[in-house]
Amino acid sequence: MRRVLRKLRRKEGTMFNEPKQCGQYFDKLKIASIKDRLTIPVLWQILKLPGIPRKSCHSPFREDRRPSFSIYDNDRRWKDHSTGDGGDGIEFIAKAKGITQKEAFKLFLTIAKEQGYDRS
């Protein structure tokens, strides 16, 4: 019986590893909470992009004759209908700054901390 328990403790994803997984899950919940509060219009202003963020507006990333950019889902998601690009706040930062998702994620967390969105 002891051998079986030792083997179970070594395996990842067993009940013996739950505290570690719960810590990771809490971090994901905190990030999701920040994403809910740090909206696209707020990021638009912080990044000092041209134009005014609305439900239907001109793209801040390129010249636009007609409004083809939308912000939806309570200002948490965006879509550029001309290019097909879209996503959440992190992808918005990546597109605006021309950086990778990983760099955008780090910048997103930095902005959240500076603006006070990291507090529950």
PDB file of N, CA and C in Angstrom:
ATOM      1  N   MET A   1       0.820  -1.202   0.000  1.00  0.00           N
ATOM      2  CA  MET A   1       0.000   0.000   0.000  1.00  0.00           C
ATOM      3  C   MET A   1       0.862   1.265   0.000  1.00  0.00           C
ATOM      4  N   ARG A   2       1.959   1.255   0.775  1.00  0.00           N
ATOM      5  CA  ARG A   2       2.829   2.424   0.839  1.00  0.00           C
ATOM      6  C   ARG A   2       3.473   2.705  -0.514  1.00  0.00           C
ATOM      7  N   ARG A   3       3.826   1.635  -1.233  1.00  0.00           N
ATOM      8  CA  ARG A   3       4.414   1.820  -2.563  1.00  0.00           C
ATOM      9  C   ARG A   3       3.435   2.521  -3.508  1.00  0.00           C
ATOM     10  N   VAL A   4       2.211   2.109  -3.442  1.00  0.00           N
ATOM     11  CA  VAL A   4       1.183   2.704  -4.297  1.00  0.00           C
ATOM     12  C   VAL A   4       1.032   4.185  -3.977  1.00  0.00           C
ATOM     13  N   LEU A   5       0.996   4.539  -2.684  1.00  0.00           N
ATOM     14  CA  LEU A   5       0.869   5.933  -2.287  1.00  0.00           C
ATOM     15  C   LEU A   5       2.075   6.754  -2.739  1.00  0.00           C
ATOM     16  N   ARG A   6       3.276   6.185  -2.630  1.00  0.00           N
ATOM     17  CA  ARG A   6       4.473   6.897  -3.095  1.00  0.00           C
ATOM     18  C   ARG A   6       4.401   7.170  -4.591  1.00  0.00           C
ATOM     19  N   LYS A   7       3.956   6.193  -5.352  1.00  0.00           N
ATOM     20  CA  LYS A   7       3.832   6.368  -6.803  1.00  0.00           C
ATOM     21  C   LYS A   7       2.791   7.439  -7.122  1.00  0.00           C
ATOM     22  N   LEU A   8       1.688   7.418  -6.397  1.00  0.00           N
ATOM     23  CA  LEU A   8       0.658   8.425  -6.617  1.00  0.00           C
ATOM     24  C   LEU A   8       1.161   9.824  -6.295  1.00  0.00           C
ATOM     25  N   ARG A   9       1.943   9.957  -5.246  1.00  0.00           N
ATOM     26  CA  ARG A   9       2.460  11.268  -4.861  1.00  0.00           C
ATOM     27  C   ARG A   9       3.410  11.830  -5.911  1.00  0.00           C
ATOM     28  N   ARG A  10       4.122  10.949  -6.600  1.00  0.00           N
ATOM     29  CA  ARG A  10       5.078  11.384  -7.618  1.00  0.00           C
ATOM     30  C   ARG A  10       4.390  11.826  -8.905  1.00  0.00           C
ATOM     31  N   LYS A  11       3.246  11.262  -9.186  1.00  0.00           N
ATOM     32  CA  LYS A  11       2.541  11.591 -10.431  1.00  0.00           C
ATOM     33  C   LYS A  11       1.971  12.992 -10.363  1.00  0.00           C
ATOM     34  N   GLU A  12       2.044  13.676 -11.485  1.00  0.00           N
ATOM     35  CA  GLU A  12       1.430  14.997 -11.556  1.00  0.00           C
ATOM     36  C   GLU A  12      -0.061  14.838 -11.793  1.00  0.00           C
ATOM     37  N   GLY A  13      -0.810  15.771 -11.271  1.00  0.00           N
ATOM     38  CA  GLY A  13      -2.243  15.761 -11.497  1.00  0.00           C
ATOM     39  C   GLY A  13      -3.016  14.893 -10.529  1.00  0.00           C
ATOM     40  N   THR A  14      -2.373  14.348  -9.507  1.00  0.00           N
ATOM     41  CA  THR A  14      -3.093  13.556  -8.526  1.00  0.00           C
ATOM     42  C   THR A  14      -3.578  14.469  -7.406  1.00  0.00           C
ATOM     43  N   MET A  15      -4.347  13.900  -6.514  1.00  0.00           N
ATOM     44  CA  MET A  15      -4.906  14.706  -5.439  1.00  0.00           C
ATOM     45  C   MET A  15      -3.828  15.260  -4.511  1.00  0.00           C
ATOM     46  N   PHE A  16      -2.641  14.687  -4.541  1.00  0.00           N
ATOM     47  CA  PHE A  16      -1.577  15.168  -3.669  1.00  0.00           C
ATOM     48  C   PHE A  16      -0.947  16.462  -4.187  1.00  0.00           C
ATOM     49  N   ASN A  17      -1.200  16.805  -5.425  1.00  0.00           N
ATOM     50  CA  ASN A  17      -0.655  18.028  -5.989  1.00  0.00           C
ATOM     51  C   ASN A  17      -1.673  19.164  -6.022  1.00  0.00           C
ATOM     52  N   GLU A  18      -2.824  18.986  -5.408  1.00  0.00           N
ATOM     53  CA  GLU A  18      -3.883  19.993  -5.476  1.00  0.00           C
ATOM     54  C   GLU A  18      -3.488  21.369  -4.956  1.00  0.00           C
ATOM     55  N   PRO A  19      -2.747  21.496  -3.845  1.00  0.00           N
ATOM     56  CA  PRO A  19      -2.414  22.852  -3.402  1.00  0.00           C
ATOM     57  C   PRO A  19      -1.643  23.650  -4.459  1.00  0.00           C
ATOM     58  N   LYS A  20      -0.718  23.011  -5.141  1.00  0.00           N
ATOM     59  CA  LYS A  20       0.035  23.695  -6.186  1.00  0.00           C
ATOM     60  C   LYS A  20      -0.907  24.113  -7.316  1.00  0.00           C
ATOM     61  N   GLN A  21      -1.791  23.223  -7.726  1.00  0.00           N
ATOM     62  CA  GLN A  21      -2.728  23.533  -8.794  1.00  0.00           C
ATOM     63  C   GLN A  21      -3.698  24.622  -8.367  1.00  0.00           C
ATOM     64  N   CYS A  22      -4.106  24.625  -7.121  1.00  0.00           N
ATOM     65  CA  CYS A  22      -5.019  25.664  -6.647  1.00  0.00           C
ATOM     66  C   CYS A  22      -4.349  27.026  -6.712  1.00  0.00           C
ATOM     67  N   GLY A  23      -3.049  27.098  -6.409  1.00  0.00           N
ATOM     68  CA  GLY A  23      -2.328  28.357  -6.503  1.00  0.00           C
ATOM     69  C   GLY A  23      -2.295  28.866  -7.928  1.00  0.00           C
ATOM     70  N   GLN A  24      -2.080  27.977  -8.891  1.00  0.00           N
ATOM     71  CA  GLN A  24      -2.073  28.363 -10.293  1.00  0.00           C
ATOM     72  C   GLN A  24      -3.471  28.801 -10.715  1.00  0.00           C
ATOM     73  N   TYR A  25      -4.496  28.111 -10.229  1.00  0.00           N
ATOM     74  CA  TYR A  25      -5.874  28.436 -10.577  1.00  0.00           C
ATOM     75  C   TYR A  25      -6.246  29.815 -10.040  1.00  0.00           C
ATOM     76  N   PHE A  26      -5.792  30.133  -8.842  1.00  0.00           N
ATOM     77  CA  PHE A  26      -6.071  31.453  -8.250  1.00  0.00           C
ATOM     78  C   PHE A  26      -5.457  32.547  -9.113  1.00  0.00           C
ATOM     79  N   ASP A  27      -4.235  32.338  -9.600  1.00  0.00           N
ATOM     80  CA  ASP A  27      -3.594  33.330 -10.455  1.00  0.00           C
ATOM     81  C   ASP A  27      -4.398  33.541 -11.734  1.00  0.00           C
ATOM     82  N   LYS A  28      -4.911  32.476 -12.295  1.00  0.00           N
ATOM     83  CA  LYS A  28      -5.732  32.590 -13.507  1.00  0.00           C
ATOM     84  C   LYS A  28      -7.008  33.372 -13.222  1.00  0.00           C
ATOM     85  N   LEU A  29      -7.593  33.147 -12.052  1.00  0.00           N
ATOM     86  CA  LEU A  29      -8.793  33.897 -11.673  1.00  0.00           C
ATOM     87  C   LEU A  29      -8.487  35.377 -11.506  1.00  0.00           C
ATOM     88  N   LYS A  30      -7.346  35.696 -10.928  1.00  0.00           N
ATOM     89  CA  LYS A  30      -6.966  37.098 -10.737  1.00  0.00           C
ATOM     90  C   LYS A  30      -6.746  37.772 -12.093  1.00  0.00           C
ATOM     91  N   ILE A  31      -6.100  37.073 -13.014  1.00  0.00           N
ATOM     92  CA  ILE A  31      -5.872  37.618 -14.353  1.00  0.00           C
ATOM     93  C   ILE A  31      -7.200  37.837 -15.062  1.00  0.00           C
ATOM     94  N   ALA A  32      -8.114  36.897 -14.929  1.00  0.00           N
ATOM     95  CA  ALA A  32      -9.443  37.038 -15.540  1.00  0.00           C
ATOM     96  C   ALA A  32     -10.175  38.242 -14.950  1.00  0.00           C
ATOM     97  N   SER A  33     -10.012  38.450 -13.657  1.00  0.00           N
ATOM     98  CA  SER A  33     -10.643  39.602 -13.004  1.00  0.00           C
ATOM     99  C   SER A  33     -10.059  40.916 -13.528  1.00  0.00           C
ATOM    100  N   ILE A  34      -8.745  40.947 -13.719  1.00  0.00           N
ATOM    101  CA  ILE A  34      -8.099  42.148 -14.262  1.00  0.00           C
ATOM    102  C   ILE A  34      -8.583  42.394 -15.687  1.00  0.00           C
ATOM    103  N   LYS A  35      -8.692  41.327 -16.485  1.00  0.00           N
ATOM    104  CA  LYS A  35      -9.168  41.469 -17.864  1.00  0.00           C
ATOM    105  C   LYS A  35     -10.582  42.038 -17.898  1.00  0.00           C
ATOM    106  N   ASP A  36     -11.413  41.668 -16.943  1.00  0.00           N
ATOM    107  CA  ASP A  36     -12.785  42.183 -16.881  1.00  0.00           C
ATOM    108  C   ASP A  36     -12.816  43.676 -16.584  1.00  0.00           C
ATOM    109  N   ARG A  37     -11.883  44.143 -15.770  1.00  0.00           N
ATOM    110  CA  ARG A  37     -11.900  45.548 -15.343  1.00  0.00           C
ATOM    111  C   ARG A  37     -11.064  46.465 -16.224  1.00  0.00           C
ATOM    112  N   LEU A  38      -9.985  45.960 -16.810  1.00  0.00           N
ATOM    113  CA  LEU A  38      -9.117  46.768 -17.672  1.00  0.00           C
ATOM    114  C   LEU A  38      -9.610  46.600 -19.110  1.00  0.00           C
ATOM    115  N   THR A  39     -10.531  47.459 -19.502  1.00  0.00           N
ATOM    116  CA  THR A  39     -11.251  47.302 -20.770  1.00  0.00           C
ATOM    117  C   THR A  39     -10.480  47.894 -21.955  1.00  0.00           C
ATOM    118  N   ILE A  40     -10.962  47.606 -23.148  1.00  0.00           N
ATOM    119  CA  ILE A  40     -10.336  48.090 -24.380  1.00  0.00           C
ATOM    120  C   ILE A  40     -10.306  49.627 -24.424  1.00  0.00           C
ATOM    121  N   PRO A  41     -11.412  50.339 -24.119  1.00  0.00           N
ATOM    122  CA  PRO A  41     -11.333  51.809 -24.130  1.00  0.00           C
ATOM    123  C   PRO A  41     -10.283  52.371 -23.163  1.00  0.00           C
ATOM    124  N   VAL A  42     -10.117  51.742 -22.015  1.00  0.00           N
ATOM    125  CA  VAL A  42      -9.104  52.186 -21.056  1.00  0.00           C
ATOM    126  C   VAL A  42      -7.709  51.971 -21.645  1.00  0.00           C
ATOM    127  N   LEU A  43      -7.476  50.794 -22.222  1.00  0.00           N
ATOM    128  CA  LEU A  43      -6.183  50.515 -22.851  1.00  0.00           C
ATOM    129  C   LEU A  43      -5.927  51.459 -24.015  1.00  0.00           C
ATOM    130  N   TRP A  44      -6.964  51.758 -24.776  1.00  0.00           N
ATOM    131  CA  TRP A  44      -6.868  52.678 -25.917  1.00  0.00           C
ATOM    132  C   TRP A  44      -6.328  54.031 -25.442  1.00  0.00           C
ATOM    133  N   GLN A  45      -6.881  54.538 -24.346  1.00  0.00           N
ATOM    134  CA  GLN A  45      -6.456  55.830 -23.799  1.00  0.00           C
ATOM    135  C   GLN A  45      -5.031  55.755 -23.237  1.00  0.00           C
ATOM    136  N   ILE A  46      -4.718  54.694 -22.532  1.00  0.00           N
ATOM    137  CA  ILE A  46      -3.384  54.529 -21.936  1.00  0.00           C
ATOM    138  C   ILE A  46      -2.312  54.446 -23.030  1.00  0.00           C
ATOM    139  N   LEU A  47      -2.619  53.729 -24.114  1.00  0.00           N
ATOM    140  CA  LEU A  47      -1.669  53.572 -25.215  1.00  0.00           C
ATOM    141  C   LEU A  47      -1.639  54.800 -26.138  1.00  0.00           C
ATOM    142  N   LYS A  48      -2.540  55.745 -25.879  1.00  0.00           N
ATOM    143  CA  LYS A  48      -2.626  56.996 -26.647  1.00  0.00           C
ATOM    144  C   LYS A  48      -2.792  56.738 -28.145  1.00  0.00           C
ATOM    145  N   LEU A  49      -3.736  55.875 -28.468  1.00  0.00           N
ATOM    146  CA  LEU A  49      -4.035  55.574 -29.866  1.00  0.00           C
ATOM    147  C   LEU A  49      -4.968  56.643 -30.436  1.00  0.00           C
ATOM    148  N   PRO A  50      -4.889  56.872 -31.747  1.00  0.00           N
ATOM    149  CA  PRO A  50      -5.752  57.895 -32.344  1.00  0.00           C
ATOM    150  C   PRO A  50      -7.218  57.459 -32.380  1.00  0.00           C
ATOM    151  N   GLY A  51      -8.109  58.419 -32.373  1.00  0.00           N
ATOM    152  CA  GLY A  51      -9.538  58.126 -32.476  1.00  0.00           C
ATOM    153  C   GLY A  51     -10.196  57.983 -31.125  1.00  0.00           C
ATOM    154  N   ILE A  52     -11.493  57.696 -31.207  1.00  0.00           N
ATOM    155  CA  ILE A  52     -12.306  57.543 -30.005  1.00  0.00           C
ATOM    156  C   ILE A  52     -12.879  56.125 -30.001  1.00  0.00           C
ATOM    157  N   PRO A  53     -12.622  55.359 -28.930  1.00  0.00           N
ATOM    158  CA  PRO A  53     -13.145  53.994 -28.883  1.00  0.00           C
ATOM    159  C   PRO A  53     -14.655  53.974 -28.689  1.00  0.00           C
ATOM    160  N   ARG A  54     -15.344  53.273 -29.579  1.00  0.00           N
ATOM    161  CA  ARG A  54     -16.804  53.126 -29.510  1.00  0.00           C
ATOM    162  C   ARG A  54     -17.178  51.731 -29.953  1.00  0.00           C
ATOM    163  N   LYS A  55     -18.490  51.485 -29.936  1.00  0.00           N
ATOM    164  CA  LYS A  55     -19.000  50.193 -30.401  1.00  0.00           C
ATOM    165  C   LYS A  55     -18.645  49.987 -31.872  1.00  0.00           C
ATOM    166  N   SER A  56     -18.727  51.039 -32.676  1.00  0.00           N
ATOM    167  CA  SER A  56     -18.323  51.012 -34.077  1.00  0.00           C
ATOM    168  C   SER A  56     -17.483  52.259 -34.336  1.00  0.00           C
ATOM    169  N   CYS A  57     -16.226  52.063 -34.729  1.00  0.00           N
ATOM    170  CA  CYS A  57     -15.327  53.201 -34.916  1.00  0.00           C
ATOM    171  C   CYS A  57     -14.249  52.869 -35.950  1.00  0.00           C
ATOM    172  N   HIS A  58     -13.408  53.850 -36.229  1.00  0.00           N
ATOM    173  CA  HIS A  58     -12.284  53.640 -37.139  1.00  0.00           C
ATOM    174  C   HIS A  58     -11.185  52.870 -36.410  1.00  0.00           C
ATOM    175  N   SER A  59     -10.468  52.057 -37.164  1.00  0.00           N
ATOM    176  CA  SER A  59      -9.391  51.260 -36.591  1.00  0.00           C
ATOM    177  C   SER A  59      -8.246  52.154 -36.121  1.00  0.00           C
ATOM    178  N   PRO A  60      -7.718  51.904 -34.934  1.00  0.00           N
ATOM    179  CA  PRO A  60      -6.572  52.686 -34.470  1.00  0.00           C
ATOM    180  C   PRO A  60      -5.249  52.200 -35.070  1.00  0.00           C
ATOM    181  N   PHE A  61      -5.291  51.084 -35.781  1.00  0.00           N
ATOM    182  CA  PHE A  61      -4.074  50.451 -36.286  1.00  0.00           C
ATOM    183  C   PHE A  61      -3.735  50.813 -37.733  1.00  0.00           C
ATOM    184  N   ARG A  62      -4.696  51.360 -38.469  1.00  0.00           N
ATOM    185  CA  ARG A  62      -4.485  51.651 -39.897  1.00  0.00           C
ATOM    186  C   ARG A  62      -5.488  52.702 -40.349  1.00  0.00           C
ATOM    187  N   GLU A  63      -5.271  53.217 -41.561  1.00  0.00           N
ATOM    188  CA  GLU A  63      -6.207  54.174 -42.149  1.00  0.00           C
ATOM    189  C   GLU A  63      -7.505  53.439 -42.496  1.00  0.00           C
ATOM    190  N   ASP A  64      -8.609  54.097 -42.239  1.00  0.00           N
ATOM    191  CA  ASP A  64      -9.921  53.486 -42.422  1.00  0.00           C
ATOM    192  C   ASP A  64     -10.864  54.510 -43.054  1.00  0.00           C
ATOM    193  N   ARG A  65     -11.453  54.187 -44.192  1.00  0.00           N
ATOM    194  CA  ARG A  65     -12.437  55.110 -44.786  1.00  0.00           C
ATOM    195  C   ARG A  65     -13.752  55.076 -44.031  1.00  0.00           C
ATOM    196  N   ARG A  66     -14.187  53.866 -43.757  1.00  0.00           N
ATOM    197  CA  ARG A  66     -15.449  53.668 -43.022  1.00  0.00           C
ATOM    198  C   ARG A  66     -15.156  52.944 -41.716  1.00  0.00           C
ATOM    199  N   PRO A  67     -15.933  53.206 -40.698  1.00  0.00           N
ATOM    200  CA  PRO A  67     -15.714  52.497 -39.432  1.00  0.00           C
ATOM    201  C   PRO A  67     -15.848  50.977 -39.617  1.00  0.00           C
ATOM    202  N   SER A  68     -14.807  50.256 -39.292  1.00  0.00           N
ATOM    203  CA  SER A  68     -14.845  48.798 -39.422  1.00  0.00           C
ATOM    204  C   SER A  68     -14.283  48.122 -38.174  1.00  0.00           C
ATOM    205  N   PHE A  69     -14.150  48.876 -37.123  1.00  0.00           N
ATOM    206  CA  PHE A  69     -13.588  48.374 -35.866  1.00  0.00           C
ATOM    207  C   PHE A  69     -14.686  48.373 -34.824  1.00  0.00           C
ATOM    208  N   SER A  70     -14.863  47.272 -34.106  1.00  0.00           N
ATOM    209  CA  SER A  70     -15.877  47.259 -33.059  1.00  0.00           C
ATOM    210  C   SER A  70     -15.321  46.775 -31.734  1.00  0.00           C
ATOM    211  N   ILE A  71     -15.917  47.315 -30.694  1.00  0.00           N
ATOM    212  CA  ILE A  71     -15.620  46.914 -29.327  1.00  0.00           C
ATOM    213  C   ILE A  71     -16.919  46.348 -28.759  1.00  0.00           C
ATOM    214  N   TYR A  72     -16.849  45.157 -28.204  1.00  0.00           N
ATOM    215  CA  TYR A  72     -18.072  44.496 -27.742  1.00  0.00           C
ATOM    216  C   TYR A  72     -17.800  43.694 -26.461  1.00  0.00           C
ATOM    217  N   ASP A  73     -18.777  42.955 -26.015  1.00  0.00           N
ATOM    218  CA  ASP A  73     -18.709  42.134 -24.798  1.00  0.00           C
ATOM    219  C   ASP A  73     -18.335  43.006 -23.588  1.00  0.00           C
ATOM    220  N   ASN A  74     -19.133  44.054 -23.380  1.00  0.00           N
ATOM    221  CA  ASN A  74     -18.917  44.999 -22.274  1.00  0.00           C
ATOM    222  C   ASN A  74     -17.515  45.603 -22.315  1.00  0.00           C
ATOM    223  N   ASP A  75     -17.080  45.965 -23.510  1.00  0.00           N
ATOM    224  CA  ASP A  75     -15.784  46.625 -23.749  1.00  0.00           C
ATOM    225  C   ASP A  75     -14.572  45.743 -23.456  1.00  0.00           C
ATOM    226  N   ARG A  76     -14.758  44.422 -23.433  1.00  0.00           N
ATOM    227  CA  ARG A  76     -13.642  43.526 -23.132  1.00  0.00           C
ATOM    228  C   ARG A  76     -13.024  42.882 -24.366  1.00  0.00           C
ATOM    229  N   ARG A  77     -13.698  42.951 -25.520  1.00  0.00           N
ATOM    230  CA  ARG A  77     -13.193  42.322 -26.740  1.00  0.00           C
ATOM    231  C   ARG A  77     -13.282  43.301 -27.898  1.00  0.00           C
ATOM    232  N   TRP A  78     -12.458  43.056 -28.928  1.00  0.00           N
ATOM    233  CA  TRP A  78     -12.437  43.927 -30.101  1.00  0.00           C
ATOM    234  C   TRP A  78     -12.348  43.095 -31.361  1.00  0.00           C
ATOM    235  N   LYS A  79     -12.751  43.712 -32.473  1.00  0.00           N
ATOM    236  CA  LYS A  79     -12.678  43.043 -33.778  1.00  0.00           C
ATOM    237  C   LYS A  79     -12.475  44.097 -34.848  1.00  0.00           C
ATOM    238  N   ASP A  80     -11.499  43.863 -35.715  1.00  0.00           N
ATOM    239  CA  ASP A  80     -11.286  44.697 -36.892  1.00  0.00           C
ATOM    240  C   ASP A  80     -11.884  43.908 -38.058  1.00  0.00           C
ATOM    241  N   HIS A  81     -13.033  44.332 -38.544  1.00  0.00           N
ATOM    242  CA  HIS A  81     -13.769  43.567 -39.552  1.00  0.00           C
ATOM    243  C   HIS A  81     -13.082  43.592 -40.914  1.00  0.00           C
ATOM    244  N   SER A  82     -12.252  44.572 -41.178  1.00  0.00           N
ATOM    245  CA  SER A  82     -11.539  44.624 -42.461  1.00  0.00           C
ATOM    246  C   SER A  82     -10.426  43.591 -42.542  1.00  0.00           C
ATOM    247  N   THR A  83      -9.715  43.385 -41.441  1.00  0.00           N
ATOM    248  CA  THR A  83      -8.589  42.446 -41.445  1.00  0.00           C
ATOM    249  C   THR A  83      -8.940  41.101 -40.821  1.00  0.00           C
ATOM    250  N   GLY A  84     -10.007  41.059 -40.039  1.00  0.00           N
ATOM    251  CA  GLY A  84     -10.391  39.824 -39.364  1.00  0.00           C
ATOM    252  C   GLY A  84      -9.696  39.636 -38.027  1.00  0.00           C
ATOM    253  N   ASP A  85      -8.832  40.576 -37.645  1.00  0.00           N
ATOM    254  CA  ASP A  85      -8.144  40.488 -36.358  1.00  0.00           C
ATOM    255  C   ASP A  85      -9.110  40.810 -35.230  1.00  0.00           C
ATOM    256  N   GLY A  86      -8.819  40.280 -34.062  1.00  0.00           N
ATOM    257  CA  GLY A  86      -9.645  40.559 -32.901  1.00  0.00           C
ATOM    258  C   GLY A  86      -9.103  39.850 -31.688  1.00  0.00           C
ATOM    259  N   GLY A  87      -9.729  40.099 -30.554  1.00  0.00           N
ATOM    260  CA  GLY A  87      -9.301  39.419 -29.341  1.00  0.00           C
ATOM    261  C   GLY A  87      -9.627  40.208 -28.092  1.00  0.00           C
ATOM    262  N   ASP A  88      -8.845  39.930 -27.050  1.00  0.00           N
ATOM    263  CA  ASP A  88      -9.055  40.585 -25.762  1.00  0.00           C
ATOM    264  C   ASP A  88      -8.050  41.719 -25.576  1.00  0.00           C
ATOM    265  N   GLY A  89      -7.910  42.203 -24.366  1.00  0.00           N
ATOM    266  CA  GLY A  89      -7.018  43.314 -24.081  1.00  0.00           C
ATOM    267  C   GLY A  89      -5.554  43.022 -24.371  1.00  0.00           C
ATOM    268  N   ILE A  90      -5.133  41.809 -24.098  1.00  0.00           N
ATOM    269  CA  ILE A  90      -3.734  41.437 -24.332  1.00  0.00           C
ATOM    270  C   ILE A  90      -3.433  41.430 -25.827  1.00  0.00           C
ATOM    271  N   GLU A  91      -4.334  40.882 -26.603  1.00  0.00           N
ATOM    272  CA  GLU A  91      -4.144  40.872 -28.063  1.00  0.00           C
ATOM    273  C   GLU A  91      -4.240  42.290 -28.634  1.00  0.00           C
ATOM    274  N   PHE A  92      -5.030  43.141 -28.005  1.00  0.00           N
ATOM    275  CA  PHE A  92      -5.130  44.537 -28.417  1.00  0.00           C
ATOM    276  C   PHE A  92      -3.782  45.240 -28.217  1.00  0.00           C
ATOM    277  N   ILE A  93      -3.155  45.011 -27.078  1.00  0.00           N
ATOM    278  CA  ILE A  93      -1.844  45.596 -26.803  1.00  0.00           C
ATOM    279  C   ILE A  93      -0.808  45.073 -27.792  1.00  0.00           C
ATOM    280  N   ALA A  94      -0.838  43.761 -28.055  1.00  0.00           N
ATOM    281  CA  ALA A  94       0.118  43.158 -28.987  1.00  0.00           C
ATOM    282  C   ALA A  94      -0.004  43.786 -30.375  1.00  0.00           C
ATOM    283  N   LYS A  95      -1.224  43.976 -30.829  1.00  0.00           N
ATOM    284  CA  LYS A  95      -1.467  44.567 -32.145  1.00  0.00           C
ATOM    285  C   LYS A  95      -1.053  46.043 -32.166  1.00  0.00           C
ATOM    286  N   ALA A  96      -1.387  46.778 -31.123  1.00  0.00           N
ATOM    287  CA  ALA A  96      -1.090  48.204 -31.063  1.00  0.00           C
ATOM    288  C   ALA A  96       0.412  48.477 -30.999  1.00  0.00           C
ATOM    289  N   LYS A  97       1.129  47.663 -30.255  1.00  0.00           N
ATOM    290  CA  LYS A  97       2.564  47.875 -30.064  1.00  0.00           C
ATOM    291  C   LYS A  97       3.438  47.086 -31.044  1.00  0.00           C
ATOM    292  N   GLY A  98       2.833  46.125 -31.763  1.00  0.00           N
ATOM    293  CA  GLY A  98       3.600  45.290 -32.688  1.00  0.00           C
ATOM    294  C   GLY A  98       4.560  44.361 -31.960  1.00  0.00           C
ATOM    295  N   ILE A  99       4.085  43.777 -30.864  1.00  0.00           N
ATOM    296  CA  ILE A  99       4.922  42.893 -30.056  1.00  0.00           C
ATOM    297  C   ILE A  99       4.274  41.518 -29.953  1.00  0.00           C
ATOM    298  N   THR A 100       4.986  40.558 -29.371  1.00  0.00           N
ATOM    299  CA  THR A 100       4.464  39.201 -29.221  1.00  0.00           C
ATOM    300  C   THR A 100       3.417  39.160 -28.107  1.00  0.00           C
ATOM    301  N   GLN A 101       2.677  38.056 -28.068  1.00  0.00           N
ATOM    302  CA  GLN A 101       1.662  37.884 -27.016  1.00  0.00           C
ATOM    303  C   GLN A 101       2.311  37.857 -25.633  1.00  0.00           C
ATOM    304  N   LYS A 102       3.476  37.222 -25.540  1.00  0.00           N
ATOM    305  CA  LYS A 102       4.164  37.126 -24.253  1.00  0.00           C
ATOM    306  C   LYS A 102       4.562  38.518 -23.752  1.00  0.00           C
ATOM    307  N   GLU A 103       5.129  39.324 -24.638  1.00  0.00           N
ATOM    308  CA  GLU A 103       5.511  40.694 -24.263  1.00  0.00           C
ATOM    309  C   GLU A 103       4.277  41.531 -23.938  1.00  0.00           C
ATOM    310  N   ALA A 104       3.205  41.317 -24.705  1.00  0.00           N
ATOM    311  CA  ALA A 104       1.959  42.044 -24.460  1.00  0.00           C
ATOM    312  C   ALA A 104       1.368  41.668 -23.107  1.00  0.00           C
ATOM    313  N   PHE A 105       1.467  40.404 -22.739  1.00  0.00           N
ATOM    314  CA  PHE A 105       0.955  39.947 -21.445  1.00  0.00           C
ATOM    315  C   PHE A 105       1.714  40.630 -20.312  1.00  0.00           C
ATOM    316  N   LYS A 106       3.039  40.713 -20.443  1.00  0.00           N
ATOM    317  CA  LYS A 106       3.849  41.385 -19.418  1.00  0.00           C
ATOM    318  C   LYS A 106       3.483  42.868 -19.332  1.00  0.00           C
ATOM    319  N   LEU A 107       3.308  43.499 -20.482  1.00  0.00           N
ATOM    320  CA  LEU A 107       2.922  44.913 -20.507  1.00  0.00           C
ATOM    321  C   LEU A 107       1.534  45.105 -19.909  1.00  0.00           C
ATOM    322  N   PHE A 108       0.617  44.182 -20.201  1.00  0.00           N
ATOM    323  CA  PHE A 108      -0.735  44.212 -19.648  1.00  0.00           C
ATOM    324  C   PHE A 108      -0.692  44.189 -18.118  1.00  0.00           C
ATOM    325  N   LEU A 109       0.119  43.286 -17.557  1.00  0.00           N
ATOM    326  CA  LEU A 109       0.231  43.196 -16.096  1.00  0.00           C
ATOM    327  C   LEU A 109       0.892  44.445 -15.514  1.00  0.00           C
ATOM    328  N   THR A 110       1.867  45.004 -16.215  1.00  0.00           N
ATOM    329  CA  THR A 110       2.509  46.241 -15.766  1.00  0.00           C
ATOM    330  C   THR A 110       1.503  47.390 -15.742  1.00  0.00           C
ATOM    331  N   ILE A 111       0.726  47.514 -16.810  1.00  0.00           N
ATOM    332  CA  ILE A 111      -0.309  48.557 -16.865  1.00  0.00           C
ATOM    333  C   ILE A 111      -1.320  48.361 -15.742  1.00  0.00           C
ATOM    334  N   ALA A 112      -1.740  47.120 -15.526  1.00  0.00           N
ATOM    335  CA  ALA A 112      -2.716  46.823 -14.472  1.00  0.00           C
ATOM    336  C   ALA A 112      -2.175  47.231 -13.107  1.00  0.00           C
ATOM    337  N   LYS A 113      -0.908  46.958 -12.870  1.00  0.00           N
ATOM    338  CA  LYS A 113      -0.303  47.307 -11.583  1.00  0.00           C
ATOM    339  C   LYS A 113      -0.193  48.824 -11.434  1.00  0.00           C
ATOM    340  N   GLU A 114       0.269  49.505 -12.485  1.00  0.00           N
ATOM    341  CA  GLU A 114       0.414  50.958 -12.428  1.00  0.00           C
ATOM    342  C   GLU A 114      -0.921  51.667 -12.240  1.00  0.00           C
ATOM    343  N   GLN A 115      -1.971  51.137 -12.846  1.00  0.00           N
ATOM    344  CA  GLN A 115      -3.292  51.767 -12.781  1.00  0.00           C
ATOM    345  C   GLN A 115      -4.107  51.303 -11.565  1.00  0.00           C
ATOM    346  N   GLY A 116      -3.593  50.332 -10.817  1.00  0.00           N
ATOM    347  CA  GLY A 116      -4.283  49.856  -9.623  1.00  0.00           C
ATOM    348  C   GLY A 116      -5.342  48.790  -9.891  1.00  0.00           C
ATOM    349  N   TYR A 117      -5.303  48.157 -11.070  1.00  0.00           N
ATOM    350  CA  TYR A 117      -6.287  47.134 -11.398  1.00  0.00           C
ATOM    351  C   TYR A 117      -5.913  45.765 -10.837  1.00  0.00           C
ATOM    352  N   ASP A 118      -4.711  45.624 -10.277  1.00  0.00           N
ATOM    353  CA  ASP A 118      -4.270  44.335  -9.764  1.00  0.00           C
ATOM    354  C   ASP A 118      -4.806  44.039  -8.373  1.00  0.00           C
ATOM    355  N   ARG A 119      -5.416  45.041  -7.765  1.00  0.00           N
ATOM    356  CA  ARG A 119      -5.985  44.835  -6.424  1.00  0.00           C
ATOM    357  C   ARG A 119      -7.407  44.307  -6.549  1.00  0.00           C
ATOM    358  N   SER A 120      -7.750  43.378  -5.689  1.00  0.00           N
ATOM    359  CA  SER A 120      -9.102  42.786  -5.744  1.00  0.00           C
ATOM    360  C   SER A 120     -10.135  43.685  -5.144  1.00  0.00           C
TER     361      SER A 120
END
